[in-house]
Amino acid sequence: MIAHPRRVQKLGTSSLVLALPKEWVKKQGIDKGDVLYVIEEGESLRVIKPMEERLGEAPVLEAYKLKDPQIISLAANCLYILGYNDYVIDLKNLPAEVQLMLKKHASRLIGIEISYIDKDKIGVKNIMNLETINPYTSIKSMGIAVSQVFELLSKAARGEWGILSLTDELRDEIFRLQHLIVKYLSSRMLPGTDDSRVYSLLLGTSLLGIISEDSYNIARILMKRKETPSKEVLGIIDKVTKLMPIVTSNLTNPGITKSKELINETSEIRRELNNIIVATGKVIDAILSQFLLTVVSILWIVSTISVCNSLASEDIWKKKR
């Protein structure tokens, strides 16, 4: 990695600009007027050059045959994850709201551009070079966002009801990162590949996405009921909030000792939650405890996945003579 110090310059009354390194620009073949994508990865920014347009006729997804907007949306996800660079979605007079939904959906995916849209068809381009993506950085960024969703849930549990709009923004960020990570990892799952870490990271990322979505739904329930749980349940929420980023960090940089500690800690929290579920007389405590039990079980699974990942790097293998 080469560091290029650059001074931020002011352009006009409000814009700030940063010059790109001359050597990098020349190497990448970038000219004036070219479009570059700047991707946020936690506290860092990554500059991405659009992928070269693939030659030949783009494949056409006859989405109108699927009819259900949700299934159409899932099909678009699959095309993104499976690495289709350019494709056309044929809507054949499906309602206008379906077109708008797909356009909004595409805007939530990193590296996707709507090349054209008319009455019956939407043209989609993948403009990202996956070779420039660091999946570990993206997973850490996703873990941070999931932790932030859980922190907002903690605030909702304490009676701060006006946080749902912030949760919406985080959900979009998690959606973008999760699909980018799955897209990257799927591109590495080629015939003959024998890297268990790819499959482990894929599963871990999917499970973190489940935690995010379920946390959002529970926050909505809390906002509607306007009830606060007991101190015991709030204490568990605080424990899980602190545990979330540690589990995510261990997924990307696994260690057997740390994984064992996390497995023991999540197992202990599960026992506490089971005791609360048996003893509580409050409906809100029962709802939250059952939800937290699911979350902690997922964190336990992710921690066991990290054990598998760490086996490749730990010094536990007999040296060949």
C-alpha atoms as a PDB file:
ATOM      1  CA  MET A   1       0.000   0.000   0.000  1.00  0.00           C
ATOM      2  CA  ILE A   2       1.376   3.424  -0.993  1.00  0.00           C
ATOM      3  CA  ALA A   3       0.305   6.556   0.911  1.00  0.00           C
ATOM      4  CA  HIS A   4      -0.134   9.731  -1.150  1.00  0.00           C
ATOM      5  CA  PRO A   5      -0.513  12.858   1.043  1.00  0.00           C
ATOM      6  CA  ARG A   6      -2.883  15.357  -0.544  1.00  0.00           C
ATOM      7  CA  ARG A   7      -4.117  18.767   0.619  1.00  0.00           C
ATOM      8  CA  VAL A   8      -7.864  19.413   0.455  1.00  0.00           C
ATOM      9  CA  GLN A   9      -8.681  22.411  -1.768  1.00  0.00           C
ATOM     10  CA  LYS A  10     -11.810  24.558  -1.863  1.00  0.00           C
ATOM     11  CA  LEU A  11     -13.763  24.872  -5.124  1.00  0.00           C
ATOM     12  CA  GLY A  12     -16.405  27.570  -5.382  1.00  0.00           C
ATOM     13  CA  THR A  13     -18.324  28.525  -2.247  1.00  0.00           C
ATOM     14  CA  SER A  14     -18.951  25.132  -0.669  1.00  0.00           C
ATOM     15  CA  SER A  15     -17.247  22.247  -2.526  1.00  0.00           C
ATOM     16  CA  LEU A  16     -14.024  20.574  -1.378  1.00  0.00           C
ATOM     17  CA  VAL A  17     -11.782  18.725  -3.877  1.00  0.00           C
ATOM     18  CA  LEU A  18      -8.861  16.325  -3.600  1.00  0.00           C
ATOM     19  CA  ALA A  19      -6.365  15.707  -6.419  1.00  0.00           C
ATOM     20  CA  LEU A  20      -5.801  12.089  -7.453  1.00  0.00           C
ATOM     21  CA  PRO A  21      -2.179  10.843  -7.615  1.00  0.00           C
ATOM     22  CA  LYS A  22      -0.803  11.337 -11.129  1.00  0.00           C
ATOM     23  CA  GLU A  23       0.834   7.890 -11.270  1.00  0.00           C
ATOM     24  CA  TRP A  24      -2.391   6.151 -10.212  1.00  0.00           C
ATOM     25  CA  VAL A  25      -4.482   8.102 -12.740  1.00  0.00           C
ATOM     26  CA  LYS A  26      -2.079   7.155 -15.538  1.00  0.00           C
ATOM     27  CA  LYS A  27      -1.991   3.504 -14.497  1.00  0.00           C
ATOM     28  CA  GLN A  28      -5.799   3.290 -14.361  1.00  0.00           C
ATOM     29  CA  GLY A  29      -6.225   5.089 -17.706  1.00  0.00           C
ATOM     30  CA  ILE A  30      -8.479   7.773 -16.241  1.00  0.00           C
ATOM     31  CA  ASP A  31      -9.315  10.853 -18.330  1.00  0.00           C
ATOM     32  CA  LYS A  32     -11.132  14.107 -17.678  1.00  0.00           C
ATOM     33  CA  GLY A  33     -14.899  13.505 -17.523  1.00  0.00           C
ATOM     34  CA  ASP A  34     -14.653   9.844 -16.471  1.00  0.00           C
ATOM     35  CA  VAL A  35     -16.982   8.672 -13.696  1.00  0.00           C
ATOM     36  CA  LEU A  36     -15.357   7.307 -10.529  1.00  0.00           C
ATOM     37  CA  TYR A  37     -17.162   5.870  -7.512  1.00  0.00           C
ATOM     38  CA  VAL A  38     -16.187   6.789  -3.963  1.00  0.00           C
ATOM     39  CA  ILE A  39     -17.262   4.074  -1.514  1.00  0.00           C
ATOM     40  CA  GLU A  40     -17.522   4.635   2.242  1.00  0.00           C
ATOM     41  CA  GLU A  41     -15.914   1.830   4.265  1.00  0.00           C
ATOM     42  CA  GLY A  42     -16.220   2.844   7.901  1.00  0.00           C
ATOM     43  CA  GLU A  43     -13.821   5.766   8.406  1.00  0.00           C
ATOM     44  CA  SER A  44     -12.067   5.145   5.059  1.00  0.00           C
ATOM     45  CA  LEU A  45     -12.955   5.999   1.460  1.00  0.00           C
ATOM     46  CA  ARG A  46     -12.193   3.804  -1.538  1.00  0.00           C
ATOM     47  CA  VAL A  47     -12.058   5.141  -5.112  1.00  0.00           C
ATOM     48  CA  ILE A  48     -13.410   2.650  -7.649  1.00  0.00           C
ATOM     49  CA  LYS A  49     -12.967   2.794 -11.402  1.00  0.00           C
ATOM     50  CA  PRO A  50     -16.044   1.596 -13.334  1.00  0.00           C
ATOM     51  CA  MET A  51     -15.738  -1.873 -14.826  1.00  0.00           C
ATOM     52  CA  GLU A  52     -15.295  -1.980 -18.589  1.00  0.00           C
ATOM     53  CA  GLU A  53     -18.558  -2.527 -20.440  1.00  0.00           C
ATOM     54  CA  ARG A  54     -18.923  -6.183 -21.416  1.00  0.00           C
ATOM     55  CA  LEU A  55     -19.162  -6.886 -25.134  1.00  0.00           C
ATOM     56  CA  GLY A  56     -22.108  -8.647 -26.686  1.00  0.00           C
ATOM     57  CA  GLU A  57     -25.852  -8.494 -26.153  1.00  0.00           C
ATOM     58  CA  ALA A  58     -26.967  -8.173 -22.528  1.00  0.00           C
ATOM     59  CA  PRO A  59     -29.107 -11.062 -21.180  1.00  0.00           C
ATOM     60  CA  VAL A  60     -32.771 -10.272 -20.573  1.00  0.00           C
ATOM     61  CA  LEU A  61     -34.624 -11.245 -17.387  1.00  0.00           C
ATOM     62  CA  GLU A  62     -38.319 -11.589 -18.300  1.00  0.00           C
ATOM     63  CA  ALA A  63     -39.446 -10.334 -14.901  1.00  0.00           C
ATOM     64  CA  TYR A  64     -43.085  -9.988 -15.965  1.00  0.00           C
ATOM     65  CA  LYS A  65     -43.319 -13.795 -15.862  1.00  0.00           C
ATOM     66  CA  LEU A  66     -42.527 -13.703 -12.141  1.00  0.00           C
ATOM     67  CA  LYS A  67     -45.408 -11.248 -11.497  1.00  0.00           C
ATOM     68  CA  ASP A  68     -44.763 -10.851  -7.746  1.00  0.00           C
ATOM     69  CA  PRO A  69     -42.763  -7.611  -7.090  1.00  0.00           C
ATOM     70  CA  GLN A  70     -40.972  -9.195  -4.126  1.00  0.00           C
ATOM     71  CA  ILE A  71     -39.804 -12.154  -6.231  1.00  0.00           C
ATOM     72  CA  ILE A  72     -38.696  -9.748  -8.982  1.00  0.00           C
ATOM     73  CA  SER A  73     -36.666  -7.849  -6.403  1.00  0.00           C
ATOM     74  CA  LEU A  74     -35.077 -11.091  -5.156  1.00  0.00           C
ATOM     75  CA  ALA A  75     -34.264 -12.073  -8.747  1.00  0.00           C
ATOM     76  CA  ALA A  76     -32.485  -8.726  -9.199  1.00  0.00           C
ATOM     77  CA  ASN A  77     -30.496  -9.501  -6.034  1.00  0.00           C
ATOM     78  CA  CYS A  78     -29.464 -12.849  -7.504  1.00  0.00           C
ATOM     79  CA  LEU A  79     -28.236 -11.261 -10.746  1.00  0.00           C
ATOM     80  CA  TYR A  80     -26.134  -8.844  -8.697  1.00  0.00           C
ATOM     81  CA  ILE A  81     -24.664 -11.559  -6.463  1.00  0.00           C
ATOM     82  CA  LEU A  82     -24.016 -13.981  -9.339  1.00  0.00           C
ATOM     83  CA  GLY A  83     -21.900 -11.377 -11.128  1.00  0.00           C
ATOM     84  CA  TYR A  84     -23.962 -10.380 -14.176  1.00  0.00           C
ATOM     85  CA  ASN A  85     -22.263  -7.229 -15.459  1.00  0.00           C
ATOM     86  CA  ASP A  86     -24.983  -5.961 -17.796  1.00  0.00           C
ATOM     87  CA  TYR A  87     -28.552  -7.143 -18.073  1.00  0.00           C
ATOM     88  CA  VAL A  88     -32.048  -5.985 -18.970  1.00  0.00           C
ATOM     89  CA  ILE A  89     -35.153  -6.447 -16.810  1.00  0.00           C
ATOM     90  CA  ASP A  90     -38.216  -6.834 -19.053  1.00  0.00           C
ATOM     91  CA  LEU A  91     -41.319  -5.660 -17.156  1.00  0.00           C
ATOM     92  CA  LYS A  92     -43.910  -6.000 -19.958  1.00  0.00           C
ATOM     93  CA  ASN A  93     -46.501  -3.498 -18.700  1.00  0.00           C
ATOM     94  CA  LEU A  94     -46.105  -4.311 -15.010  1.00  0.00           C
ATOM     95  CA  PRO A  95     -47.383  -1.429 -12.823  1.00  0.00           C
ATOM     96  CA  ALA A  96     -45.339   1.776 -12.635  1.00  0.00           C
ATOM     97  CA  GLU A  97     -44.773   1.272  -8.896  1.00  0.00           C
ATOM     98  CA  VAL A  98     -42.838  -1.928  -9.686  1.00  0.00           C
ATOM     99  CA  GLN A  99     -40.480   0.053 -11.925  1.00  0.00           C
ATOM    100  CA  LEU A 100     -39.977   2.641  -9.189  1.00  0.00           C
ATOM    101  CA  MET A 101     -39.369  -0.114  -6.646  1.00  0.00           C
ATOM    102  CA  LEU A 102     -36.675  -1.703  -8.833  1.00  0.00           C
ATOM    103  CA  LYS A 103     -35.002   1.638  -9.470  1.00  0.00           C
ATOM    104  CA  LYS A 104     -34.905   2.326  -5.726  1.00  0.00           C
ATOM    105  CA  HIS A 105     -33.717  -1.232  -5.115  1.00  0.00           C
ATOM    106  CA  ALA A 106     -30.814  -0.810  -7.556  1.00  0.00           C
ATOM    107  CA  SER A 107     -29.778   2.425  -5.838  1.00  0.00           C
ATOM    108  CA  ARG A 108     -29.241   0.425  -2.608  1.00  0.00           C
ATOM    109  CA  LEU A 109     -26.666  -1.843  -4.284  1.00  0.00           C
ATOM    110  CA  ILE A 110     -23.029  -0.731  -4.460  1.00  0.00           C
ATOM    111  CA  GLY A 111     -21.617  -0.560  -7.988  1.00  0.00           C
ATOM    112  CA  ILE A 112     -24.951  -0.769  -9.843  1.00  0.00           C
ATOM    113  CA  GLU A 113     -26.122   1.841 -12.332  1.00  0.00           C
ATOM    114  CA  ILE A 114     -29.456   2.126 -14.145  1.00  0.00           C
ATOM    115  CA  SER A 115     -28.345   2.693 -17.745  1.00  0.00           C
ATOM    116  CA  TYR A 116     -31.864   3.357 -19.030  1.00  0.00           C
ATOM    117  CA  ILE A 117     -35.496   2.949 -18.041  1.00  0.00           C
ATOM    118  CA  ASP A 118     -38.619   3.079 -20.216  1.00  0.00           C
ATOM    119  CA  LYS A 119     -42.171   1.777 -20.111  1.00  0.00           C
ATOM    120  CA  ASP A 120     -41.287  -1.901 -20.361  1.00  0.00           C
ATOM    121  CA  LYS A 121     -37.568  -2.313 -19.681  1.00  0.00           C
ATOM    122  CA  ILE A 122     -34.827  -1.345 -17.246  1.00  0.00           C
ATOM    123  CA  GLY A 123     -31.180  -1.576 -18.289  1.00  0.00           C
ATOM    124  CA  VAL A 124     -28.733  -2.353 -15.470  1.00  0.00           C
ATOM    125  CA  LYS A 125     -24.930  -2.117 -15.444  1.00  0.00           C
ATOM    126  CA  ASN A 126     -22.394  -3.377 -12.938  1.00  0.00           C
ATOM    127  CA  ILE A 127     -19.653  -0.739 -12.835  1.00  0.00           C
ATOM    128  CA  MET A 128     -17.506  -2.172 -10.037  1.00  0.00           C
ATOM    129  CA  ASN A 129     -14.238  -4.073 -10.241  1.00  0.00           C
ATOM    130  CA  LEU A 130     -14.428  -6.676  -7.475  1.00  0.00           C
ATOM    131  CA  GLU A 131     -10.648  -7.041  -7.430  1.00  0.00           C
ATOM    132  CA  THR A 132     -10.473  -3.691  -5.632  1.00  0.00           C
ATOM    133  CA  ILE A 133     -12.781  -4.784  -2.787  1.00  0.00           C
ATOM    134  CA  ASN A 134     -11.465  -5.680   0.659  1.00  0.00           C
ATOM    135  CA  PRO A 135     -14.139  -8.030   2.096  1.00  0.00           C
ATOM    136  CA  TYR A 136     -12.709  -7.900   5.619  1.00  0.00           C
ATOM    137  CA  THR A 137     -13.024  -4.108   5.753  1.00  0.00           C
ATOM    138  CA  SER A 138     -16.582  -4.349   4.425  1.00  0.00           C
ATOM    139  CA  ILE A 139     -17.526  -7.013   6.995  1.00  0.00           C
ATOM    140  CA  LYS A 140     -16.130  -4.838   9.798  1.00  0.00           C
ATOM    141  CA  SER A 141     -18.128  -1.860   8.473  1.00  0.00           C
ATOM    142  CA  MET A 142     -21.258  -4.006   8.361  1.00  0.00           C
ATOM    143  CA  GLY A 143     -20.596  -5.197  11.919  1.00  0.00           C
ATOM    144  CA  ILE A 144     -20.306  -1.593  13.094  1.00  0.00           C
ATOM    145  CA  ALA A 145     -23.621  -0.731  11.401  1.00  0.00           C
ATOM    146  CA  VAL A 146     -25.365  -3.775  12.940  1.00  0.00           C
ATOM    147  CA  SER A 147     -24.012  -2.731  16.360  1.00  0.00           C
ATOM    148  CA  GLN A 148     -25.414   0.770  15.816  1.00  0.00           C
ATOM    149  CA  VAL A 149     -28.857  -0.681  14.988  1.00  0.00           C
ATOM    150  CA  PHE A 150     -28.712  -2.639  18.226  1.00  0.00           C
ATOM    151  CA  GLU A 151     -27.687   0.493  20.144  1.00  0.00           C
ATOM    152  CA  LEU A 152     -30.767   2.255  18.730  1.00  0.00           C
ATOM    153  CA  LEU A 153     -32.863  -0.720  19.847  1.00  0.00           C
ATOM    154  CA  SER A 154     -31.383  -0.253  23.320  1.00  0.00           C
ATOM    155  CA  LYS A 155     -32.480   3.395  23.276  1.00  0.00           C
ATOM    156  CA  ALA A 156     -35.973   2.397  22.143  1.00  0.00           C
ATOM    157  CA  ALA A 157     -36.153  -0.078  25.036  1.00  0.00           C
ATOM    158  CA  ARG A 158     -35.424   2.847  27.370  1.00  0.00           C
ATOM    159  CA  GLY A 159     -38.266   4.952  26.012  1.00  0.00           C
ATOM    160  CA  GLU A 160     -36.566   6.914  23.197  1.00  0.00           C
ATOM    161  CA  TRP A 161     -39.167   6.394  20.499  1.00  0.00           C
ATOM    162  CA  GLY A 162     -37.983   8.815  17.813  1.00  0.00           C
ATOM    163  CA  ILE A 163     -35.039   6.766  16.537  1.00  0.00           C
ATOM    164  CA  LEU A 164     -36.688   4.708  13.776  1.00  0.00           C
ATOM    165  CA  SER A 165     -35.680   7.072  10.937  1.00  0.00           C
ATOM    166  CA  LEU A 166     -32.019   6.628  11.926  1.00  0.00           C
ATOM    167  CA  THR A 167     -32.557   2.870  11.882  1.00  0.00           C
ATOM    168  CA  ASP A 168     -33.864   3.112   8.288  1.00  0.00           C
ATOM    169  CA  GLU A 169     -30.600   4.743   7.163  1.00  0.00           C
ATOM    170  CA  LEU A 170     -28.549   2.051   8.870  1.00  0.00           C
ATOM    171  CA  ARG A 171     -30.688  -0.702   7.303  1.00  0.00           C
ATOM    172  CA  ASP A 172     -29.893   0.664   3.836  1.00  0.00           C
ATOM    173  CA  GLU A 173     -26.176   0.762   4.689  1.00  0.00           C
ATOM    174  CA  ILE A 174     -26.263  -2.827   5.979  1.00  0.00           C
ATOM    175  CA  PHE A 175     -28.195  -3.946   2.889  1.00  0.00           C
ATOM    176  CA  ARG A 176     -25.539  -2.409   0.615  1.00  0.00           C
ATOM    177  CA  LEU A 177     -22.598  -3.883   2.516  1.00  0.00           C
ATOM    178  CA  GLN A 178     -24.174  -7.317   2.962  1.00  0.00           C
ATOM    179  CA  HIS A 179     -24.908  -7.719  -0.747  1.00  0.00           C
ATOM    180  CA  LEU A 180     -21.464  -6.407  -1.704  1.00  0.00           C
ATOM    181  CA  ILE A 181     -19.796  -8.931   0.627  1.00  0.00           C
ATOM    182  CA  VAL A 182     -21.946 -11.823  -0.612  1.00  0.00           C
ATOM    183  CA  LYS A 183     -21.242 -10.772  -4.219  1.00  0.00           C
ATOM    184  CA  TYR A 184     -17.500 -10.726  -3.573  1.00  0.00           C
ATOM    185  CA  LEU A 185     -17.455 -14.052  -1.706  1.00  0.00           C
ATOM    186  CA  SER A 186     -19.678 -15.714  -4.331  1.00  0.00           C
ATOM    187  CA  SER A 187     -17.172 -14.701  -7.003  1.00  0.00           C
ATOM    188  CA  ARG A 188     -14.549 -16.692  -5.060  1.00  0.00           C
ATOM    189  CA  MET A 189     -16.704 -19.841  -4.852  1.00  0.00           C
ATOM    190  CA  LEU A 190     -15.405 -21.318  -8.100  1.00  0.00           C
ATOM    191  CA  PRO A 191     -15.236 -25.026  -9.059  1.00  0.00           C
ATOM    192  CA  GLY A 192     -12.155 -26.533  -7.467  1.00  0.00           C
ATOM    193  CA  THR A 193     -11.943 -23.869  -4.763  1.00  0.00           C
ATOM    194  CA  ASP A 194     -11.209 -25.360  -1.359  1.00  0.00           C
ATOM    195  CA  ASP A 195     -11.196 -22.379   0.965  1.00  0.00           C
ATOM    196  CA  SER A 196     -13.559 -22.964   3.895  1.00  0.00           C
ATOM    197  CA  ARG A 197     -13.117 -19.350   5.021  1.00  0.00           C
ATOM    198  CA  VAL A 198     -15.140 -18.135   2.029  1.00  0.00           C
ATOM    199  CA  TYR A 199     -18.151 -20.226   3.043  1.00  0.00           C
ATOM    200  CA  SER A 200     -17.724 -19.307   6.720  1.00  0.00           C
ATOM    201  CA  LEU A 201     -17.629 -15.578   6.000  1.00  0.00           C
ATOM    202  CA  LEU A 202     -20.632 -15.945   3.695  1.00  0.00           C
ATOM    203  CA  LEU A 203     -22.651 -17.623   6.451  1.00  0.00           C
ATOM    204  CA  GLY A 204     -21.456 -15.187   9.132  1.00  0.00           C
ATOM    205  CA  THR A 205     -22.382 -12.175   6.998  1.00  0.00           C
ATOM    206  CA  SER A 206     -25.864 -13.575   6.313  1.00  0.00           C
ATOM    207  CA  LEU A 207     -26.452 -14.156  10.035  1.00  0.00           C
ATOM    208  CA  LEU A 208     -25.421 -10.572  10.894  1.00  0.00           C
ATOM    209  CA  GLY A 209     -27.972  -9.367   8.334  1.00  0.00           C
ATOM    210  CA  ILE A 210     -30.689 -11.368  10.140  1.00  0.00           C
ATOM    211  CA  ILE A 211     -29.785  -9.690  13.452  1.00  0.00           C
ATOM    212  CA  SER A 212     -30.077  -6.240  11.846  1.00  0.00           C
ATOM    213  CA  GLU A 213     -33.504  -6.877  10.320  1.00  0.00           C
ATOM    214  CA  ASP A 214     -34.902  -8.500  13.478  1.00  0.00           C
ATOM    215  CA  SER A 215     -33.567  -5.626  15.635  1.00  0.00           C
ATOM    216  CA  TYR A 216     -35.388  -3.150  13.413  1.00  0.00           C
ATOM    217  CA  ASN A 217     -38.665  -5.091  13.716  1.00  0.00           C
ATOM    218  CA  ILE A 218     -38.364  -5.302  17.515  1.00  0.00           C
ATOM    219  CA  ALA A 219     -37.673  -1.554  17.694  1.00  0.00           C
ATOM    220  CA  ARG A 220     -40.950  -0.985  15.811  1.00  0.00           C
ATOM    221  CA  ILE A 221     -42.812  -3.205  18.297  1.00  0.00           C
ATOM    222  CA  LEU A 222     -41.339  -1.257  21.221  1.00  0.00           C
ATOM    223  CA  MET A 223     -42.344   2.031  19.626  1.00  0.00           C
ATOM    224  CA  LYS A 224     -45.940   0.843  19.164  1.00  0.00           C
ATOM    225  CA  ARG A 225     -46.312  -0.626  22.655  1.00  0.00           C
ATOM    226  CA  LYS A 226     -44.457   2.237  24.383  1.00  0.00           C
ATOM    227  CA  GLU A 227     -43.405  -0.065  27.219  1.00  0.00           C
ATOM    228  CA  THR A 228     -40.028  -0.386  28.893  1.00  0.00           C
ATOM    229  CA  PRO A 229     -38.699  -3.786  29.963  1.00  0.00           C
ATOM    230  CA  SER A 230     -37.283  -4.739  33.358  1.00  0.00           C
ATOM    231  CA  LYS A 231     -33.758  -3.831  34.520  1.00  0.00           C
ATOM    232  CA  GLU A 232     -32.699  -7.451  33.988  1.00  0.00           C
ATOM    233  CA  VAL A 233     -33.665  -7.380  30.314  1.00  0.00           C
ATOM    234  CA  LEU A 234     -32.085  -3.929  29.813  1.00  0.00           C
ATOM    235  CA  GLY A 235     -28.895  -5.349  31.344  1.00  0.00           C
ATOM    236  CA  ILE A 236     -28.901  -8.198  28.814  1.00  0.00           C
ATOM    237  CA  ILE A 237     -29.400  -5.698  25.965  1.00  0.00           C
ATOM    238  CA  ASP A 238     -26.324  -3.769  27.178  1.00  0.00           C
ATOM    239  CA  LYS A 239     -24.267  -6.984  27.297  1.00  0.00           C
ATOM    240  CA  VAL A 240     -25.267  -7.959  23.755  1.00  0.00           C
ATOM    241  CA  THR A 241     -24.612  -4.415  22.459  1.00  0.00           C
ATOM    242  CA  LYS A 242     -21.026  -4.594  23.777  1.00  0.00           C
ATOM    243  CA  LEU A 243     -20.578  -8.132  22.458  1.00  0.00           C
ATOM    244  CA  MET A 244     -21.687  -7.426  18.873  1.00  0.00           C
ATOM    245  CA  PRO A 245     -18.568  -5.617  17.534  1.00  0.00           C
ATOM    246  CA  ILE A 246     -16.255  -8.090  19.297  1.00  0.00           C
ATOM    247  CA  VAL A 247     -17.937 -11.052  17.585  1.00  0.00           C
ATOM    248  CA  THR A 248     -17.736  -9.292  14.197  1.00  0.00           C
ATOM    249  CA  SER A 249     -14.062  -8.433  14.681  1.00  0.00           C
ATOM    250  CA  ASN A 250     -13.337 -12.045  15.603  1.00  0.00           C
ATOM    251  CA  LEU A 251     -15.090 -13.219  12.423  1.00  0.00           C
ATOM    252  CA  THR A 252     -12.663 -11.256  10.226  1.00  0.00           C
ATOM    253  CA  ASN A 253      -9.580 -11.855  12.393  1.00  0.00           C
ATOM    254  CA  PRO A 254     -10.348 -15.140  14.194  1.00  0.00           C
ATOM    255  CA  GLY A 255      -8.524 -16.669  17.135  1.00  0.00           C
ATOM    256  CA  ILE A 256      -9.313 -19.879  19.011  1.00  0.00           C
ATOM    257  CA  THR A 257      -8.863 -18.328  22.477  1.00  0.00           C
ATOM    258  CA  LYS A 258     -11.094 -15.338  21.720  1.00  0.00           C
ATOM    259  CA  SER A 259     -13.678 -17.576  20.048  1.00  0.00           C
ATOM    260  CA  LYS A 260     -13.786 -19.823  23.115  1.00  0.00           C
ATOM    261  CA  GLU A 261     -14.332 -16.788  25.375  1.00  0.00           C
ATOM    262  CA  LEU A 262     -17.192 -15.587  23.147  1.00  0.00           C
ATOM    263  CA  ILE A 263     -18.786 -19.044  23.045  1.00  0.00           C
ATOM    264  CA  ASN A 264     -18.697 -19.213  26.867  1.00  0.00           C
ATOM    265  CA  GLU A 265     -20.055 -15.675  27.240  1.00  0.00           C
ATOM    266  CA  THR A 266     -22.924 -16.197  24.792  1.00  0.00           C
ATOM    267  CA  SER A 267     -23.765 -19.531  26.452  1.00  0.00           C
ATOM    268  CA  GLU A 268     -23.988 -17.785  29.842  1.00  0.00           C
ATOM    269  CA  ILE A 269     -26.249 -15.038  28.439  1.00  0.00           C
ATOM    270  CA  ARG A 270     -28.506 -17.702  26.920  1.00  0.00           C
ATOM    271  CA  ARG A 271     -28.884 -19.298  30.365  1.00  0.00           C
ATOM    272  CA  GLU A 272     -29.788 -15.909  31.883  1.00  0.00           C
ATOM    273  CA  LEU A 273     -32.385 -15.304  29.190  1.00  0.00           C
ATOM    274  CA  ASN A 274     -33.974 -18.725  29.650  1.00  0.00           C
ATOM    275  CA  ASN A 275     -34.332 -17.968  33.388  1.00  0.00           C
ATOM    276  CA  ILE A 276     -35.963 -14.604  32.625  1.00  0.00           C
ATOM    277  CA  ILE A 277     -38.413 -16.210  30.150  1.00  0.00           C
ATOM    278  CA  VAL A 278     -39.471 -18.786  32.783  1.00  0.00           C
ATOM    279  CA  ALA A 279     -39.842 -16.264  35.629  1.00  0.00           C
ATOM    280  CA  THR A 280     -41.173 -13.091  33.966  1.00  0.00           C
ATOM    281  CA  GLY A 281     -44.747 -11.935  34.215  1.00  0.00           C
ATOM    282  CA  LYS A 282     -44.328  -9.014  31.790  1.00  0.00           C
ATOM    283  CA  VAL A 283     -45.281  -9.532  28.152  1.00  0.00           C
ATOM    284  CA  ILE A 284     -42.655  -7.055  26.915  1.00  0.00           C
ATOM    285  CA  ASP A 285     -39.950  -8.918  28.865  1.00  0.00           C
ATOM    286  CA  ALA A 286     -41.015 -12.206  27.300  1.00  0.00           C
ATOM    287  CA  ILE A 287     -41.010 -10.704  23.771  1.00  0.00           C
ATOM    288  CA  LEU A 288     -37.587  -9.089  24.159  1.00  0.00           C
ATOM    289  CA  SER A 289     -36.049 -12.079  25.929  1.00  0.00           C
ATOM    290  CA  GLN A 290     -37.137 -14.442  23.162  1.00  0.00           C
ATOM    291  CA  PHE A 291     -35.729 -12.062  20.556  1.00  0.00           C
ATOM    292  CA  LEU A 292     -32.453 -11.671  22.490  1.00  0.00           C
ATOM    293  CA  LEU A 293     -32.208 -15.443  22.814  1.00  0.00           C
ATOM    294  CA  THR A 294     -32.285 -15.689  19.004  1.00  0.00           C
ATOM    295  CA  VAL A 295     -29.670 -12.926  18.629  1.00  0.00           C
ATOM    296  CA  VAL A 296     -27.308 -14.466  21.194  1.00  0.00           C
ATOM    297  CA  SER A 297     -27.733 -17.895  19.580  1.00  0.00           C
ATOM    298  CA  ILE A 298     -26.701 -16.359  16.239  1.00  0.00           C
ATOM    299  CA  LEU A 299     -23.654 -14.742  17.886  1.00  0.00           C
ATOM    300  CA  TRP A 300     -22.809 -18.142  19.362  1.00  0.00           C
ATOM    301  CA  ILE A 301     -22.985 -19.702  15.876  1.00  0.00           C
ATOM    302  CA  VAL A 302     -20.798 -16.924  14.399  1.00  0.00           C
ATOM    303  CA  SER A 303     -18.266 -17.527  17.186  1.00  0.00           C
ATOM    304  CA  THR A 304     -18.159 -21.256  16.421  1.00  0.00           C
ATOM    305  CA  ILE A 305     -17.649 -20.367  12.747  1.00  0.00           C
ATOM    306  CA  SER A 306     -14.662 -18.267  13.841  1.00  0.00           C
ATOM    307  CA  VAL A 307     -13.155 -21.359  15.488  1.00  0.00           C
ATOM    308  CA  CYS A 308     -13.248 -23.109  12.110  1.00  0.00           C
ATOM    309  CA  ASN A 309     -11.656 -20.085  10.407  1.00  0.00           C
ATOM    310  CA  SER A 310      -8.901 -19.818  13.001  1.00  0.00           C
ATOM    311  CA  LEU A 311      -7.770 -23.426  12.483  1.00  0.00           C
ATOM    312  CA  ALA A 312      -6.002 -22.432   9.265  1.00  0.00           C
ATOM    313  CA  SER A 313      -3.863 -19.787  10.973  1.00  0.00           C
ATOM    314  CA  GLU A 314      -3.203 -21.268  14.437  1.00  0.00           C
ATOM    315  CA  ASP A 315       0.047 -23.079  15.137  1.00  0.00           C
ATOM    316  CA  ILE A 316      -1.607 -26.438  15.910  1.00  0.00           C
ATOM    317  CA  TRP A 317      -0.619 -28.436  12.845  1.00  0.00           C
ATOM    318  CA  LYS A 318       2.131 -31.023  12.881  1.00  0.00           C
ATOM    319  CA  LYS A 319       5.011 -29.883  10.726  1.00  0.00           C
ATOM    320  CA  LYS A 320       5.881 -32.083   7.774  1.00  0.00           C
ATOM    321  CA  ARG A 321       9.392 -33.505   7.879  1.00  0.00           C
END
